[in-house]
Amino acid sequence: MIESQWRADFVATILGVVFVAIGLLGFVSNPLISGVGYFHVNAVHNFVHLGTGALLLLSPYFGVPVMMIRALALIYALIAILGFVAPNAAGLGALFAMSRADNWLHVVIAVILLAIGFSKPVERSVTTAHM
């Protein structure tokens, strides 16, 4: 069973580090992720990546890495759908810089997070109050 093959806190931490790295990389001019890069981002988009990374990094400390992965999976799926159906709404007007490549990347992120998040049962909190 997949439940025994991975730890949600480890996966959330790895994903968090990746999102923080992407958020930081977006502030540096480069051909991949920047204001002029293949994945067109602006400061607001970069802060969203940093925030996503922070939420993922903090989720194990609050005992909710699976729930956080699931919530972000659903949010990224919604953003991906909106990116294709109503690009102006997905980018909240001109607030978020997004391109067609970003839309496809959001699809990939959503699929990966959905697969990870829904392949593991939700954490169960253990309290000592009744022991």
Protein backbone atom coordinates (compact mmCIF):
# COMPACT_ATOMS: atom_id res chain seq x y z
CA MET A 1 0.00 0.00 0.00
CA ILE A 2 1.22 3.47 -0.81
CA GLU A 3 0.50 4.72 2.73
CA SER A 4 3.55 2.91 4.02
CA GLN A 5 5.79 4.02 1.16
CA TRP A 6 5.99 7.74 1.87
CA ARG A 7 5.67 10.17 4.70
CA ALA A 8 3.41 13.15 4.15
CA ASP A 9 5.54 15.48 6.25
CA PHE A 10 8.63 14.66 4.16
CA VAL A 11 6.75 15.18 0.88
CA ALA A 12 5.24 18.47 2.11
CA THR A 13 8.71 19.67 3.12
CA ILE A 14 10.24 18.78 -0.25
CA LEU A 15 7.37 20.46 -2.12
CA GLY A 16 7.67 23.49 0.17
CA VAL A 17 11.37 23.86 -0.58
CA VAL A 18 10.65 23.60 -4.33
CA PHE A 19 7.93 26.27 -4.17
CA VAL A 20 10.13 28.62 -2.13
CA ALA A 21 13.00 28.12 -4.60
CA ILE A 22 10.68 28.88 -7.53
CA GLY A 23 9.36 31.96 -5.75
CA LEU A 24 12.88 33.25 -5.13
CA LEU A 25 14.03 32.39 -8.66
CA GLY A 26 11.19 34.47 -10.07
CA PHE A 27 12.75 37.62 -8.61
CA VAL A 28 15.96 37.04 -10.57
CA SER A 29 15.99 37.74 -14.30
CA ASN A 30 16.39 34.40 -16.08
CA PRO A 31 15.01 32.74 -19.20
CA LEU A 32 12.84 30.21 -17.36
CA ILE A 33 10.91 31.86 -14.50
CA SER A 34 10.82 35.66 -14.49
CA GLY A 35 9.04 38.68 -15.89
CA VAL A 36 10.57 37.92 -19.27
CA GLY A 37 10.92 34.15 -18.87
CA TYR A 38 9.09 31.23 -20.42
CA PHE A 39 6.94 31.06 -17.30
CA HIS A 40 5.91 34.70 -17.02
CA VAL A 41 5.67 35.80 -13.39
CA ASN A 42 5.59 39.07 -11.52
CA ALA A 43 6.21 39.97 -7.87
CA VAL A 44 2.67 38.99 -6.80
CA HIS A 45 2.99 35.60 -8.52
CA ASN A 46 6.37 35.10 -6.83
CA PHE A 47 4.89 35.88 -3.42
CA VAL A 48 2.13 33.33 -4.08
CA HIS A 49 4.82 30.70 -4.73
CA LEU A 50 6.64 31.76 -1.55
CA GLY A 51 3.38 31.59 0.42
CA THR A 52 2.55 28.17 -0.99
CA GLY A 53 6.01 26.96 -0.03
CA ALA A 54 5.67 28.40 3.47
CA LEU A 55 2.30 26.70 3.98
CA LEU A 56 3.75 23.38 2.87
CA LEU A 57 6.82 23.80 5.09
CA LEU A 58 4.70 24.68 8.12
CA SER A 59 2.05 22.00 7.61
CA PRO A 60 4.01 19.16 9.30
CA TYR A 61 4.44 21.30 12.42
CA PHE A 62 0.68 21.63 12.71
CA GLY A 63 0.09 17.97 11.83
CA VAL A 64 -1.77 18.67 8.59
CA PRO A 65 0.56 17.95 5.64
CA VAL A 66 -1.95 15.74 3.80
CA MET A 67 -4.75 18.28 4.26
CA MET A 68 -2.46 21.09 3.04
CA ILE A 69 -1.40 19.10 -0.02
CA ARG A 70 -5.05 18.33 -0.79
CA ALA A 71 -6.15 21.94 -0.35
CA LEU A 72 -3.37 23.24 -2.57
CA ALA A 73 -4.13 20.55 -5.15
CA LEU A 74 -7.72 21.74 -5.39
CA ILE A 75 -6.66 25.40 -5.53
CA TYR A 76 -4.14 24.72 -8.30
CA ALA A 77 -6.74 22.67 -10.20
CA LEU A 78 -9.16 25.59 -10.01
CA ILE A 79 -6.48 28.05 -11.13
CA ALA A 80 -5.57 25.75 -14.03
CA ILE A 81 -9.18 25.47 -15.17
CA LEU A 82 -9.72 29.21 -14.85
CA GLY A 83 -6.47 29.83 -16.73
CA PHE A 84 -7.91 28.13 -19.80
CA VAL A 85 -11.57 29.09 -19.47
CA ALA A 86 -11.28 32.64 -18.13
CA PRO A 87 -7.63 33.75 -18.17
CA ASN A 88 -8.48 37.23 -16.95
CA ALA A 89 -10.26 35.80 -13.90
CA ALA A 90 -7.44 33.35 -13.15
CA GLY A 91 -4.93 36.19 -13.09
CA LEU A 92 -7.35 38.42 -11.15
CA GLY A 93 -7.21 40.95 -13.95
CA ALA A 94 -3.62 42.06 -14.33
CA LEU A 95 -2.63 41.30 -10.74
CA PHE A 96 -0.96 37.97 -11.56
CA ALA A 97 1.26 37.61 -14.59
CA MET A 98 0.35 34.32 -16.25
CA SER A 99 0.90 32.76 -19.66
CA ARG A 100 -0.30 29.64 -21.46
CA ALA A 101 2.81 27.84 -20.16
CA ASP A 102 1.79 28.78 -16.61
CA ASN A 103 -1.66 27.29 -17.20
CA TRP A 104 -0.17 23.96 -18.30
CA LEU A 105 2.27 24.00 -15.38
CA HIS A 106 -0.67 24.54 -13.01
CA VAL A 107 -2.35 21.48 -14.55
CA VAL A 108 0.78 19.41 -13.90
CA ILE A 109 1.10 20.74 -10.34
CA ALA A 110 -2.58 20.03 -9.65
CA VAL A 111 -2.35 16.46 -10.98
CA ILE A 112 0.80 15.73 -8.96
CA LEU A 113 -0.63 17.22 -5.76
CA LEU A 114 -3.96 15.43 -6.26
CA ALA A 115 -2.17 12.12 -6.75
CA ILE A 116 0.00 12.67 -3.69
CA GLY A 117 -2.70 14.13 -1.47
CA PHE A 118 -5.41 11.60 -2.17
CA SER A 119 -3.18 8.52 -2.10
CA LYS A 120 -2.73 8.85 1.66
CA PRO A 121 -5.37 8.97 4.39
CA VAL A 122 -5.76 12.14 6.42
CA GLU A 123 -3.68 12.37 9.59
CA ARG A 124 -5.33 11.47 12.83
CA SER A 125 -4.50 13.68 15.77
CA VAL A 126 -3.44 11.86 18.89
CA THR A 127 -4.30 13.54 22.14
CA THR A 128 -3.18 12.51 25.57
CA ALA A 129 -6.17 14.06 27.35
CA HIS A 130 -8.11 10.79 27.37
CA MET A 131 -5.24 8.40 27.96
